[in-house]
Amino acid sequence: MTTPRDLLLTTLEVASSRLPGQGDLSLAIAGGELIDLLNARAAALDGDHIVPDESGAVDDRLLNEASAALVRQAPYESVEDWLWRRGRGLAAVYLTALKEEGQITRRRRSRWTPFGTGRTVLTDTPARRSARERWTSNEPVLASLGTTLGIRDQERQQHQEDPQDTPDQQLGSPPDVADEAVETVLAVVHNAVRDLEAERQRRSIEDAAFDNIWRGP
């Protein structure tokens, strides 16, 4: 499995009661794609710009699509620009892929309601178990992306309600990432998600002000 798939499976499992916004998750998934491409040597970073590497190879349809989408002429695309461009609607793309693969299914009675698409549940598959093991082992990349999306905070709250439910080692800060390029991507993802939230708040304030003007004194 890939980081984006593991991230989405983890999100659906851990954050079922309060899922992140599609925009937040799409940005994080795009970051996960780039990290997997870096690890596969299908891309490298020159500063904060993404340089494709034809010598690398990936064995995943969506990662291949991500690799094909990389800008291949200088000046290369920055990590931030990649997140906003590639991330547009990406969570829905991966959700559809998981449905087609049988990783998630619809049921009439369930608390799972990802993105308003109806009630769905995770299937007990090797992919789900692998993602859970990666999450519970506090793997740095998945832990960092999950923290950015607020999943770790939900686990902390759940731990307060039921201390036996979540291991203590999962509740601290994510472990340090040894790779500088990967660390750069994670930092840009974090900033992009924060910027998106700030934009939401700004629009909410503007909408509220407009409503007040419309209603009058």
N, C-alpha and C. Protein backbone atom coordinates (compact mmCIF):
# COMPACT_ATOMS: atom_id res chain seq x y z
N MET A 1 0.84 -1.20 0.00
CA MET A 1 0.00 0.00 0.00
C MET A 1 0.87 1.25 0.00
N THR A 2 0.25 2.36 -0.30
CA THR A 2 0.96 3.62 -0.40
C THR A 2 0.59 4.53 0.77
N THR A 3 1.37 5.59 0.95
CA THR A 3 1.07 6.54 2.01
C THR A 3 -0.31 7.17 1.85
N PRO A 4 -0.71 7.62 0.64
CA PRO A 4 -2.06 8.19 0.51
C PRO A 4 -3.17 7.21 0.89
N ARG A 5 -3.04 5.96 0.48
CA ARG A 5 -4.07 4.97 0.81
C ARG A 5 -4.08 4.69 2.31
N ASP A 6 -2.89 4.55 2.89
CA ASP A 6 -2.81 4.32 4.34
C ASP A 6 -3.41 5.50 5.10
N LEU A 7 -3.15 6.71 4.61
CA LEU A 7 -3.66 7.90 5.28
C LEU A 7 -5.19 7.94 5.22
N LEU A 8 -5.76 7.63 4.07
CA LEU A 8 -7.21 7.67 3.95
C LEU A 8 -7.86 6.57 4.78
N LEU A 9 -7.29 5.36 4.75
CA LEU A 9 -7.84 4.27 5.57
C LEU A 9 -7.76 4.62 7.05
N THR A 10 -6.64 5.19 7.47
CA THR A 10 -6.48 5.58 8.87
C THR A 10 -7.47 6.66 9.25
N THR A 11 -7.65 7.63 8.38
CA THR A 11 -8.59 8.72 8.64
C THR A 11 -10.00 8.19 8.81
N LEU A 12 -10.41 7.31 7.93
CA LEU A 12 -11.77 6.75 8.00
C LEU A 12 -11.97 5.92 9.26
N GLU A 13 -10.88 5.29 9.72
CA GLU A 13 -11.00 4.44 10.91
C GLU A 13 -10.91 5.24 12.20
N VAL A 14 -9.93 6.11 12.29
CA VAL A 14 -9.66 6.81 13.55
C VAL A 14 -10.57 8.02 13.73
N ALA A 15 -10.83 8.74 12.62
CA ALA A 15 -11.57 10.00 12.71
C ALA A 15 -12.99 9.87 12.20
N SER A 16 -13.59 8.72 12.39
CA SER A 16 -14.91 8.47 11.81
C SER A 16 -15.98 9.43 12.31
N SER A 17 -15.83 9.88 13.55
CA SER A 17 -16.87 10.74 14.11
C SER A 17 -16.73 12.19 13.67
N ARG A 18 -15.53 12.59 13.24
CA ARG A 18 -15.32 13.96 12.79
C ARG A 18 -14.22 13.98 11.74
N LEU A 19 -14.60 13.73 10.51
CA LEU A 19 -13.63 13.63 9.43
C LEU A 19 -13.08 14.99 9.05
N PRO A 20 -11.81 15.07 8.64
CA PRO A 20 -11.27 16.33 8.14
C PRO A 20 -12.01 16.76 6.88
N GLY A 21 -11.90 18.04 6.54
CA GLY A 21 -12.49 18.52 5.30
C GLY A 21 -11.81 17.89 4.10
N GLN A 22 -12.54 17.80 3.01
CA GLN A 22 -11.96 17.21 1.80
C GLN A 22 -10.72 17.96 1.36
N GLY A 23 -10.74 19.29 1.49
CA GLY A 23 -9.58 20.08 1.06
C GLY A 23 -8.36 19.75 1.87
N ASP A 24 -8.51 19.67 3.20
CA ASP A 24 -7.39 19.32 4.07
C ASP A 24 -6.83 17.96 3.71
N LEU A 25 -7.73 16.99 3.58
CA LEU A 25 -7.30 15.62 3.29
C LEU A 25 -6.67 15.53 1.91
N SER A 26 -7.19 16.25 0.94
CA SER A 26 -6.62 16.24 -0.40
C SER A 26 -5.20 16.77 -0.41
N LEU A 27 -4.95 17.85 0.33
CA LEU A 27 -3.60 18.40 0.43
C LEU A 27 -2.65 17.38 1.07
N ALA A 28 -3.10 16.73 2.13
CA ALA A 28 -2.26 15.75 2.81
C ALA A 28 -1.99 14.54 1.92
N ILE A 29 -3.00 14.12 1.16
CA ILE A 29 -2.81 12.99 0.25
C ILE A 29 -1.81 13.35 -0.85
N ALA A 30 -1.90 14.56 -1.39
CA ALA A 30 -0.94 15.00 -2.40
C ALA A 30 0.47 15.01 -1.82
N GLY A 31 0.60 15.43 -0.56
CA GLY A 31 1.90 15.38 0.09
C GLY A 31 2.39 13.95 0.25
N GLY A 32 1.47 13.04 0.61
CA GLY A 32 1.83 11.63 0.73
C GLY A 32 2.29 11.05 -0.59
N GLU A 33 1.63 11.43 -1.67
CA GLU A 33 2.06 10.98 -2.99
C GLU A 33 3.49 11.41 -3.27
N LEU A 34 3.77 12.68 -3.01
CA LEU A 34 5.10 13.20 -3.30
C LEU A 34 6.16 12.50 -2.46
N ILE A 35 5.85 12.24 -1.20
CA ILE A 35 6.80 11.53 -0.34
C ILE A 35 7.09 10.13 -0.88
N ASP A 36 6.05 9.44 -1.34
CA ASP A 36 6.26 8.11 -1.92
C ASP A 36 7.09 8.19 -3.20
N LEU A 37 6.88 9.24 -4.01
CA LEU A 37 7.68 9.41 -5.22
C LEU A 37 9.14 9.69 -4.87
N LEU A 38 9.36 10.47 -3.82
CA LEU A 38 10.73 10.73 -3.37
C LEU A 38 11.39 9.44 -2.90
N ASN A 39 10.66 8.65 -2.14
CA ASN A 39 11.22 7.40 -1.62
C ASN A 39 11.48 6.39 -2.72
N ALA A 40 10.68 6.45 -3.79
CA ALA A 40 10.87 5.55 -4.93
C ALA A 40 11.90 6.08 -5.92
N ARG A 41 12.48 7.23 -5.60
CA ARG A 41 13.45 7.91 -6.47
C ARG A 41 12.85 8.25 -7.84
N ALA A 42 11.53 8.46 -7.84
CA ALA A 42 10.87 8.94 -9.06
C ALA A 42 10.86 10.46 -9.11
N ALA A 43 11.34 11.08 -8.04
CA ALA A 43 11.44 12.53 -7.97
C ALA A 43 12.46 12.88 -6.89
N ALA A 44 12.94 14.10 -6.94
CA ALA A 44 13.86 14.61 -5.93
C ALA A 44 13.54 16.08 -5.71
N LEU A 45 14.04 16.63 -4.62
CA LEU A 45 13.84 18.05 -4.35
C LEU A 45 15.13 18.81 -4.59
N ASP A 46 14.99 19.93 -5.29
CA ASP A 46 16.07 20.90 -5.42
C ASP A 46 15.61 22.14 -4.68
N GLY A 47 16.04 22.26 -3.43
CA GLY A 47 15.46 23.29 -2.57
C GLY A 47 14.02 22.89 -2.26
N ASP A 48 13.06 23.72 -2.68
CA ASP A 48 11.65 23.36 -2.49
C ASP A 48 10.97 23.08 -3.82
N HIS A 49 11.75 22.78 -4.85
CA HIS A 49 11.20 22.48 -6.17
C HIS A 49 11.36 20.99 -6.49
N ILE A 50 10.36 20.44 -7.17
CA ILE A 50 10.30 19.01 -7.44
C ILE A 50 10.93 18.71 -8.80
N VAL A 51 11.96 17.88 -8.80
CA VAL A 51 12.64 17.50 -10.03
C VAL A 51 12.32 16.04 -10.33
N PRO A 52 11.61 15.75 -11.43
CA PRO A 52 11.30 14.36 -11.78
C PRO A 52 12.57 13.57 -12.05
N ASP A 53 12.52 12.28 -11.76
CA ASP A 53 13.66 11.39 -12.00
C ASP A 53 13.15 10.17 -12.76
N GLU A 54 13.55 10.04 -14.00
CA GLU A 54 13.05 8.95 -14.83
C GLU A 54 13.59 7.59 -14.41
N SER A 55 14.61 7.57 -13.57
CA SER A 55 15.19 6.29 -13.17
C SER A 55 14.37 5.58 -12.11
N GLY A 56 13.49 6.32 -11.43
CA GLY A 56 12.66 5.72 -10.40
C GLY A 56 11.41 5.09 -10.99
N ALA A 57 10.81 4.18 -10.23
CA ALA A 57 9.58 3.52 -10.70
C ALA A 57 8.66 3.26 -9.51
N VAL A 58 7.36 3.33 -9.77
CA VAL A 58 6.36 3.05 -8.73
C VAL A 58 5.37 2.03 -9.27
N ASP A 59 4.89 1.19 -8.36
CA ASP A 59 3.97 0.12 -8.74
C ASP A 59 2.59 0.39 -8.16
N ASP A 60 1.99 1.49 -8.60
CA ASP A 60 0.66 1.86 -8.12
C ASP A 60 0.05 2.78 -9.15
N ARG A 61 -1.20 2.54 -9.51
CA ARG A 61 -1.84 3.30 -10.59
C ARG A 61 -1.90 4.79 -10.27
N LEU A 62 -2.36 5.13 -9.08
CA LEU A 62 -2.52 6.54 -8.75
C LEU A 62 -1.17 7.23 -8.57
N LEU A 63 -0.19 6.52 -8.03
CA LEU A 63 1.14 7.12 -7.94
C LEU A 63 1.76 7.32 -9.31
N ASN A 64 1.48 6.41 -10.22
CA ASN A 64 1.94 6.60 -11.60
C ASN A 64 1.29 7.83 -12.22
N GLU A 65 0.02 8.05 -11.92
CA GLU A 65 -0.65 9.25 -12.41
C GLU A 65 -0.01 10.50 -11.80
N ALA A 66 0.32 10.41 -10.52
CA ALA A 66 0.98 11.54 -9.87
C ALA A 66 2.34 11.81 -10.50
N SER A 67 3.10 10.76 -10.77
CA SER A 67 4.40 10.93 -11.40
C SER A 67 4.28 11.56 -12.78
N ALA A 68 3.28 11.11 -13.53
CA ALA A 68 3.07 11.66 -14.88
C ALA A 68 2.65 13.12 -14.83
N ALA A 69 2.08 13.55 -13.70
CA ALA A 69 1.60 14.92 -13.57
C ALA A 69 2.70 15.90 -13.17
N LEU A 70 3.88 15.40 -12.83
CA LEU A 70 4.97 16.29 -12.42
C LEU A 70 5.40 17.19 -13.58
N VAL A 71 5.71 18.44 -13.26
CA VAL A 71 6.25 19.37 -14.26
C VAL A 71 7.66 18.93 -14.60
N ARG A 72 7.95 18.74 -15.87
CA ARG A 72 9.21 18.13 -16.29
C ARG A 72 10.16 19.10 -16.99
N GLN A 73 9.87 20.36 -16.90
CA GLN A 73 10.77 21.36 -17.48
C GLN A 73 11.07 22.43 -16.44
N ALA A 74 12.30 22.91 -16.46
CA ALA A 74 12.68 24.00 -15.56
C ALA A 74 12.01 25.29 -16.02
N PRO A 75 11.61 26.19 -15.11
CA PRO A 75 11.74 26.02 -13.66
C PRO A 75 10.70 25.05 -13.12
N TYR A 76 11.14 24.12 -12.32
CA TYR A 76 10.24 23.09 -11.83
C TYR A 76 9.24 23.64 -10.81
N GLU A 77 8.22 22.85 -10.56
CA GLU A 77 7.14 23.28 -9.67
C GLU A 77 7.56 23.18 -8.21
N SER A 78 7.13 24.14 -7.41
CA SER A 78 7.42 24.09 -5.98
C SER A 78 6.51 23.07 -5.31
N VAL A 79 6.93 22.61 -4.13
CA VAL A 79 6.11 21.66 -3.38
C VAL A 79 4.74 22.27 -3.07
N GLU A 80 4.72 23.53 -2.69
CA GLU A 80 3.44 24.17 -2.37
C GLU A 80 2.51 24.21 -3.58
N ASP A 81 3.04 24.60 -4.74
CA ASP A 81 2.21 24.64 -5.94
C ASP A 81 1.70 23.26 -6.31
N TRP A 82 2.56 22.25 -6.12
CA TRP A 82 2.14 20.87 -6.40
C TRP A 82 0.96 20.47 -5.52
N LEU A 83 1.05 20.79 -4.24
CA LEU A 83 -0.03 20.40 -3.32
C LEU A 83 -1.37 20.99 -3.76
N TRP A 84 -1.37 22.26 -4.11
CA TRP A 84 -2.63 22.92 -4.48
C TRP A 84 -3.14 22.43 -5.84
N ARG A 85 -2.23 22.15 -6.75
CA ARG A 85 -2.67 21.71 -8.09
C ARG A 85 -3.08 20.24 -8.08
N ARG A 86 -2.20 19.39 -7.61
CA ARG A 86 -2.47 17.95 -7.60
C ARG A 86 -3.58 17.60 -6.60
N GLY A 87 -3.64 18.38 -5.51
CA GLY A 87 -4.57 18.05 -4.45
C GLY A 87 -6.02 18.36 -4.75
N ARG A 88 -6.29 19.08 -5.82
CA ARG A 88 -7.67 19.48 -6.10
C ARG A 88 -8.56 18.26 -6.32
N GLY A 89 -9.45 17.99 -5.37
CA GLY A 89 -10.38 16.86 -5.49
C GLY A 89 -9.74 15.49 -5.31
N LEU A 90 -8.50 15.44 -4.79
CA LEU A 90 -7.77 14.17 -4.75
C LEU A 90 -8.34 13.19 -3.74
N ALA A 91 -8.89 13.68 -2.63
CA ALA A 91 -9.47 12.77 -1.64
C ALA A 91 -10.59 11.94 -2.24
N ALA A 92 -11.43 12.58 -3.06
CA ALA A 92 -12.53 11.85 -3.69
C ALA A 92 -12.02 10.80 -4.67
N VAL A 93 -10.92 11.10 -5.34
CA VAL A 93 -10.31 10.14 -6.28
C VAL A 93 -9.87 8.89 -5.54
N TYR A 94 -9.19 9.09 -4.41
CA TYR A 94 -8.72 7.94 -3.64
C TYR A 94 -9.87 7.20 -2.98
N LEU A 95 -10.89 7.92 -2.55
CA LEU A 95 -12.05 7.27 -1.96
C LEU A 95 -12.71 6.35 -2.98
N THR A 96 -12.84 6.83 -4.21
CA THR A 96 -13.41 6.01 -5.28
C THR A 96 -12.56 4.77 -5.53
N ALA A 97 -11.24 4.95 -5.52
CA ALA A 97 -10.34 3.82 -5.75
C ALA A 97 -10.49 2.77 -4.65
N LEU A 98 -10.61 3.20 -3.40
CA LEU A 98 -10.79 2.25 -2.30
C LEU A 98 -12.11 1.51 -2.43
N LYS A 99 -13.14 2.19 -2.88
CA LYS A 99 -14.43 1.53 -3.09
C LYS A 99 -14.31 0.48 -4.19
N GLU A 100 -13.66 0.84 -5.29
CA GLU A 100 -13.52 -0.10 -6.41
C GLU A 100 -12.69 -1.32 -6.01
N GLU A 101 -11.76 -1.14 -5.10
CA GLU A 101 -10.90 -2.24 -4.65
C GLU A 101 -11.55 -3.07 -3.55
N GLY A 102 -12.72 -2.64 -3.08
CA GLY A 102 -13.40 -3.37 -2.02
C GLY A 102 -12.86 -3.08 -0.64
N GLN A 103 -12.07 -2.00 -0.49
CA GLN A 103 -11.54 -1.65 0.83
C GLN A 103 -12.63 -1.03 1.72
N ILE A 104 -13.61 -0.40 1.10
CA ILE A 104 -14.74 0.13 1.84
C ILE A 104 -16.02 -0.26 1.10
N THR A 105 -17.08 -0.46 1.86
CA THR A 105 -18.36 -0.86 1.27
C THR A 105 -19.47 -0.05 1.92
N ARG A 106 -20.61 0.00 1.24
CA ARG A 106 -21.77 0.70 1.79
C ARG A 106 -22.63 -0.27 2.59
N ARG A 107 -23.16 0.25 3.68
CA ARG A 107 -24.12 -0.51 4.49
C ARG A 107 -25.23 0.43 4.93
N ARG A 108 -26.35 -0.14 5.23
CA ARG A 108 -27.51 0.69 5.56
C ARG A 108 -27.40 1.28 6.96
N ARG A 109 -26.75 0.56 7.88
CA ARG A 109 -26.64 1.05 9.25
C ARG A 109 -25.17 1.11 9.63
N SER A 110 -24.66 2.32 9.72
CA SER A 110 -23.26 2.51 10.08
C SER A 110 -23.03 3.94 10.48
N ARG A 111 -22.00 4.19 11.27
CA ARG A 111 -21.64 5.56 11.64
C ARG A 111 -20.66 6.17 10.66
N TRP A 112 -20.23 5.44 9.62
CA TRP A 112 -19.26 5.97 8.66
C TRP A 112 -19.99 6.80 7.61
N THR A 113 -19.62 8.04 7.48
CA THR A 113 -20.24 8.88 6.46
C THR A 113 -19.19 9.78 5.80
N PRO A 114 -18.22 9.20 5.08
CA PRO A 114 -17.16 10.03 4.50
C PRO A 114 -17.68 10.93 3.40
N PHE A 115 -17.47 12.22 3.56
CA PHE A 115 -17.70 13.21 2.53
C PHE A 115 -19.15 13.26 2.06
N GLY A 116 -20.07 12.81 2.89
CA GLY A 116 -21.47 12.90 2.53
C GLY A 116 -21.88 11.96 1.42
N THR A 117 -21.10 10.88 1.19
CA THR A 117 -21.40 9.97 0.09
C THR A 117 -22.31 8.83 0.52
N GLY A 118 -22.79 8.85 1.75
CA GLY A 118 -23.61 7.76 2.22
C GLY A 118 -22.86 6.96 3.28
N ARG A 119 -23.56 6.07 3.92
CA ARG A 119 -22.96 5.30 5.01
C ARG A 119 -22.05 4.22 4.43
N THR A 120 -20.81 4.22 4.86
CA THR A 120 -19.85 3.22 4.39
C THR A 120 -19.08 2.68 5.59
N VAL A 121 -18.53 1.49 5.43
CA VAL A 121 -17.70 0.89 6.47
C VAL A 121 -16.43 0.35 5.83
N LEU A 122 -15.38 0.32 6.63
CA LEU A 122 -14.13 -0.25 6.17
C LEU A 122 -14.24 -1.77 6.17
N THR A 123 -13.72 -2.38 5.13
CA THR A 123 -13.67 -3.83 5.05
C THR A 123 -12.42 -4.33 5.77
N ASP A 124 -12.53 -5.48 6.41
CA ASP A 124 -11.37 -6.04 7.10
C ASP A 124 -10.47 -6.71 6.07
N THR A 125 -9.50 -5.95 5.58
CA THR A 125 -8.60 -6.42 4.53
C THR A 125 -7.16 -6.32 5.00
N PRO A 126 -6.22 -7.00 4.32
CA PRO A 126 -4.80 -6.84 4.65
C PRO A 126 -4.35 -5.39 4.56
N ALA A 127 -4.89 -4.63 3.60
CA ALA A 127 -4.51 -3.23 3.46
C ALA A 127 -4.92 -2.43 4.69
N ARG A 128 -6.11 -2.69 5.19
CA ARG A 128 -6.56 -1.98 6.39
C ARG A 128 -5.69 -2.34 7.59
N ARG A 129 -5.37 -3.63 7.73
CA ARG A 129 -4.55 -4.04 8.86
C ARG A 129 -3.14 -3.47 8.75
N SER A 130 -2.62 -3.40 7.53
CA SER A 130 -1.30 -2.82 7.32
C SER A 130 -1.27 -1.34 7.67
N ALA A 131 -2.32 -0.61 7.27
CA ALA A 131 -2.40 0.81 7.60
C ALA A 131 -2.52 1.01 9.10
N ARG A 132 -3.31 0.15 9.76
CA ARG A 132 -3.46 0.26 11.21
C ARG A 132 -2.13 0.00 11.92
N GLU A 133 -1.39 -1.01 11.43
CA GLU A 133 -0.09 -1.31 12.04
C GLU A 133 0.89 -0.15 11.85
N ARG A 134 0.86 0.45 10.68
CA ARG A 134 1.73 1.60 10.43
C ARG A 134 1.38 2.76 11.36
N TRP A 135 0.08 2.95 11.59
CA TRP A 135 -0.37 4.05 12.46
C TRP A 135 -0.03 3.77 13.92
N THR A 136 -0.33 2.56 14.39
CA THR A 136 -0.11 2.24 15.80
C THR A 136 1.38 2.15 16.13
N SER A 137 2.22 1.89 15.14
CA SER A 137 3.67 1.87 15.37
C SER A 137 4.27 3.27 15.38
N ASN A 138 3.43 4.28 15.13
CA ASN A 138 3.87 5.67 15.16
C ASN A 138 4.89 5.96 14.06
N GLU A 139 4.68 5.37 12.90
CA GLU A 139 5.59 5.62 11.76
C GLU A 139 5.61 7.12 11.47
N PRO A 140 6.79 7.73 11.34
CA PRO A 140 6.89 9.20 11.33
C PRO A 140 6.06 9.91 10.27
N VAL A 141 6.05 9.44 9.03
CA VAL A 141 5.34 10.14 7.96
C VAL A 141 3.84 10.10 8.20
N LEU A 142 3.30 8.92 8.43
CA LEU A 142 1.86 8.80 8.65
C LEU A 142 1.44 9.53 9.93
N ALA A 143 2.27 9.44 10.96
CA ALA A 143 1.96 10.13 12.21
C ALA A 143 1.94 11.64 12.02
N SER A 144 2.89 12.16 11.24
CA SER A 144 2.95 13.60 11.00
C SER A 144 1.75 14.08 10.19
N LEU A 145 1.41 13.36 9.13
CA LEU A 145 0.25 13.74 8.32
C LEU A 145 -1.03 13.65 9.14
N GLY A 146 -1.14 12.62 9.96
CA GLY A 146 -2.32 12.48 10.80
C GLY A 146 -2.43 13.59 11.83
N THR A 147 -1.30 14.03 12.35
CA THR A 147 -1.30 15.14 13.30
C THR A 147 -1.76 16.43 12.62
N THR A 148 -1.27 16.66 11.41
CA THR A 148 -1.68 17.85 10.66
C THR A 148 -3.18 17.86 10.42
N LEU A 149 -3.77 16.70 10.20
CA LEU A 149 -5.21 16.61 9.94
C LEU A 149 -6.05 16.60 11.22
N GLY A 150 -5.39 16.57 12.37
CA GLY A 150 -6.13 16.58 13.62
C GLY A 150 -6.55 15.20 14.11
N ILE A 151 -6.09 14.15 13.44
CA ILE A 151 -6.48 12.80 13.85
C ILE A 151 -5.90 12.46 15.22
N ARG A 152 -4.65 12.87 15.45
CA ARG A 152 -4.02 12.58 16.74
C ARG A 152 -4.78 13.23 17.89
N ASP A 153 -5.28 14.43 17.66
CA ASP A 153 -6.06 15.11 18.70
C ASP A 153 -7.32 14.32 19.05
N GLN A 154 -7.94 13.73 18.02
CA GLN A 154 -9.13 12.93 18.28
C GLN A 154 -8.78 11.70 19.12
N GLU A 155 -7.60 11.12 18.84
CA GLU A 155 -7.18 9.97 19.64
C GLU A 155 -6.91 10.36 21.08
N ARG A 156 -6.33 11.54 21.28
CA ARG A 156 -6.09 12.00 22.65
C ARG A 156 -7.41 12.15 23.41
N GLN A 157 -8.41 12.72 22.73
CA GLN A 157 -9.71 12.88 23.36
C GLN A 157 -10.33 11.52 23.67
N GLN A 158 -10.19 10.60 22.74
CA GLN A 158 -10.71 9.26 22.95
C GLN A 158 -9.99 8.57 24.11
N HIS A 159 -8.68 8.83 24.21
CA HIS A 159 -7.90 8.23 25.29
C HIS A 159 -8.35 8.75 26.65
N GLN A 160 -8.71 10.03 26.71
CA GLN A 160 -9.21 10.60 27.96
C GLN A 160 -10.52 9.94 28.38
N GLU A 161 -11.34 9.61 27.37
CA GLU A 161 -12.63 8.99 27.67
C GLU A 161 -12.47 7.51 27.99
N ASP A 162 -11.50 6.86 27.35
CA ASP A 162 -11.25 5.43 27.57
C ASP A 162 -9.75 5.17 27.50
N PRO A 163 -9.03 5.29 28.62
CA PRO A 163 -7.57 5.16 28.62
C PRO A 163 -7.08 3.81 28.11
N GLN A 164 -7.92 2.79 28.11
CA GLN A 164 -7.49 1.48 27.64
C GLN A 164 -7.56 1.36 26.12
N ASP A 165 -8.17 2.33 25.47
CA ASP A 165 -8.47 2.18 24.05
C ASP A 165 -7.29 2.54 23.15
N THR A 166 -6.44 3.48 23.58
CA THR A 166 -5.37 3.96 22.74
C THR A 166 -4.05 3.88 23.47
N PRO A 167 -3.02 3.20 22.90
CA PRO A 167 -1.72 3.11 23.57
C PRO A 167 -1.12 4.49 23.79
N ASP A 168 -0.46 4.68 24.94
CA ASP A 168 0.12 5.97 25.28
C ASP A 168 1.14 6.44 24.25
N GLN A 169 1.89 5.50 23.65
CA GLN A 169 2.94 5.90 22.73
C GLN A 169 2.40 6.56 21.47
N GLN A 170 1.11 6.40 21.19
CA GLN A 170 0.52 7.02 20.02
C GLN A 170 0.11 8.46 20.26
N LEU A 171 0.19 8.92 21.49
CA LEU A 171 -0.41 10.19 21.83
C LEU A 171 0.59 11.34 21.89
N GLY A 172 1.87 11.05 21.80
CA GLY A 172 2.87 12.09 21.85
C GLY A 172 3.09 12.72 20.48
N SER A 173 4.12 13.55 20.40
CA SER A 173 4.47 14.18 19.12
C SER A 173 4.99 13.13 18.15
N PRO A 174 4.79 13.34 16.84
CA PRO A 174 5.31 12.38 15.86
C PRO A 174 6.82 12.29 15.96
N PRO A 175 7.39 11.11 15.71
CA PRO A 175 8.85 10.97 15.72
C PRO A 175 9.48 11.85 14.64
N ASP A 176 10.74 12.20 14.85
CA ASP A 176 11.45 12.99 13.86
C ASP A 176 11.63 12.21 12.56
N VAL A 177 11.62 12.93 11.45
CA VAL A 177 11.84 12.34 10.13
C VAL A 177 13.30 12.53 9.76
N ALA A 178 13.96 11.46 9.40
CA ALA A 178 15.40 11.53 9.14
C ALA A 178 15.72 12.17 7.80
N ASP A 179 14.84 12.02 6.80
CA ASP A 179 15.09 12.51 5.46
C ASP A 179 14.72 13.98 5.35
N GLU A 180 15.66 14.82 4.92
CA GLU A 180 15.41 16.26 4.86
C GLU A 180 14.34 16.61 3.84
N ALA A 181 14.35 15.93 2.68
CA ALA A 181 13.36 16.23 1.65
C ALA A 181 11.95 15.88 2.14
N VAL A 182 11.81 14.73 2.79
CA VAL A 182 10.52 14.32 3.32
C VAL A 182 10.06 15.31 4.39
N GLU A 183 10.99 15.74 5.23
CA GLU A 183 10.65 16.72 6.26
C GLU A 183 10.16 18.03 5.64
N THR A 184 10.77 18.43 4.52
CA THR A 184 10.34 19.64 3.81
C THR A 184 8.91 19.50 3.34
N VAL A 185 8.58 18.36 2.74
CA VAL A 185 7.22 18.13 2.24
C VAL A 185 6.22 18.17 3.38
N LEU A 186 6.53 17.51 4.48
CA LEU A 186 5.61 17.49 5.62
C LEU A 186 5.37 18.89 6.15
N ALA A 187 6.40 19.71 6.20
CA ALA A 187 6.25 21.08 6.69
C ALA A 187 5.37 21.90 5.76
N VAL A 188 5.52 21.72 4.45
CA VAL A 188 4.71 22.46 3.49
C VAL A 188 3.26 22.01 3.56
N VAL A 189 3.03 20.70 3.74
CA VAL A 189 1.65 20.21 3.91
C VAL A 189 1.01 20.85 5.13
N HIS A 190 1.74 20.88 6.23
CA HIS A 190 1.21 21.48 7.46
C HIS A 190 0.83 22.94 7.23
N ASN A 191 1.70 23.69 6.58
CA ASN A 191 1.42 25.11 6.34
C ASN A 191 0.23 25.29 5.39
N ALA A 192 0.13 24.41 4.38
CA ALA A 192 -0.97 24.53 3.42
C ALA A 192 -2.31 24.27 4.09
N VAL A 193 -2.37 23.27 4.96
CA VAL A 193 -3.61 22.96 5.67
C VAL A 193 -3.99 24.12 6.59
N ARG A 194 -2.99 24.71 7.25
CA ARG A 194 -3.27 25.87 8.12
C ARG A 194 -3.76 27.06 7.28
N ASP A 195 -3.16 27.25 6.12
CA ASP A 195 -3.60 28.35 5.24
C ASP A 195 -5.04 28.14 4.78
N LEU A 196 -5.38 26.90 4.48
CA LEU A 196 -6.75 26.60 4.04
C LEU A 196 -7.74 26.89 5.16
N GLU A 197 -7.40 26.53 6.37
CA GLU A 197 -8.28 26.80 7.51
C GLU A 197 -8.42 28.30 7.73
N ALA A 198 -7.32 29.04 7.58
CA ALA A 198 -7.39 30.50 7.73
C ALA A 198 -8.29 31.11 6.68
N GLU A 199 -8.24 30.57 5.46
CA GLU A 199 -9.10 31.07 4.39
C GLU A 199 -10.56 30.77 4.69
N ARG A 200 -10.84 29.60 5.24
CA ARG A 200 -12.22 29.27 5.62
C ARG A 200 -12.73 30.25 6.67
N GLN A 201 -11.90 30.54 7.66
CA GLN A 201 -12.33 31.45 8.71
C GLN A 201 -12.56 32.85 8.16
N ARG A 202 -11.69 33.27 7.25
CA ARG A 202 -11.85 34.60 6.65
C ARG A 202 -13.17 34.69 5.90
N ARG A 203 -13.48 33.66 5.12
CA ARG A 203 -14.73 33.67 4.35
C ARG A 203 -15.94 33.62 5.27
N SER A 204 -15.81 32.87 6.37
CA SER A 204 -16.92 32.78 7.32
C SER A 204 -17.20 34.14 7.94
N ILE A 205 -16.15 34.88 8.28
CA ILE A 205 -16.31 36.21 8.86
C ILE A 205 -16.94 37.16 7.84
N GLU A 206 -16.47 37.08 6.59
CA GLU A 206 -17.02 37.94 5.54
C GLU A 206 -18.49 37.63 5.29
N ASP A 207 -18.81 36.33 5.27
CA ASP A 207 -20.21 35.94 5.04
C ASP A 207 -21.10 36.43 6.18
N ALA A 208 -20.58 36.31 7.41
CA ALA A 208 -21.37 36.76 8.56
C ALA A 208 -21.59 38.27 8.50
N ALA A 209 -20.55 39.01 8.10
CA ALA A 209 -20.67 40.46 8.00
C ALA A 209 -21.68 40.83 6.91
N PHE A 210 -21.64 40.11 5.79
CA PHE A 210 -22.59 40.38 4.71
C PHE A 210 -24.02 40.11 5.16
N ASP A 211 -24.21 39.00 5.91
CA ASP A 211 -25.54 38.69 6.41
C ASP A 211 -26.06 39.78 7.33
N ASN A 212 -25.18 40.32 8.16
CA ASN A 212 -25.60 41.37 9.08
C ASN A 212 -26.02 42.63 8.31
N ILE A 213 -25.25 42.95 7.25
CA ILE A 213 -25.61 44.12 6.44
C ILE A 213 -26.94 43.89 5.72
N TRP A 214 -27.14 42.67 5.20
CA TRP A 214 -28.35 42.34 4.47
C TRP A 214 -29.59 42.43 5.36
N ARG A 215 -29.44 41.96 6.61
CA ARG A 215 -30.58 41.99 7.52
C ARG A 215 -30.87 43.41 8.01
N GLY A 216 -29.80 44.21 8.07
CA GLY A 216 -29.98 45.58 8.52
C GLY A 216 -30.08 45.68 10.03
N PRO A 217 -30.21 46.92 10.55
CA PRO A 217 -30.28 47.12 12.00
C PRO A 217 -31.59 46.58 12.56
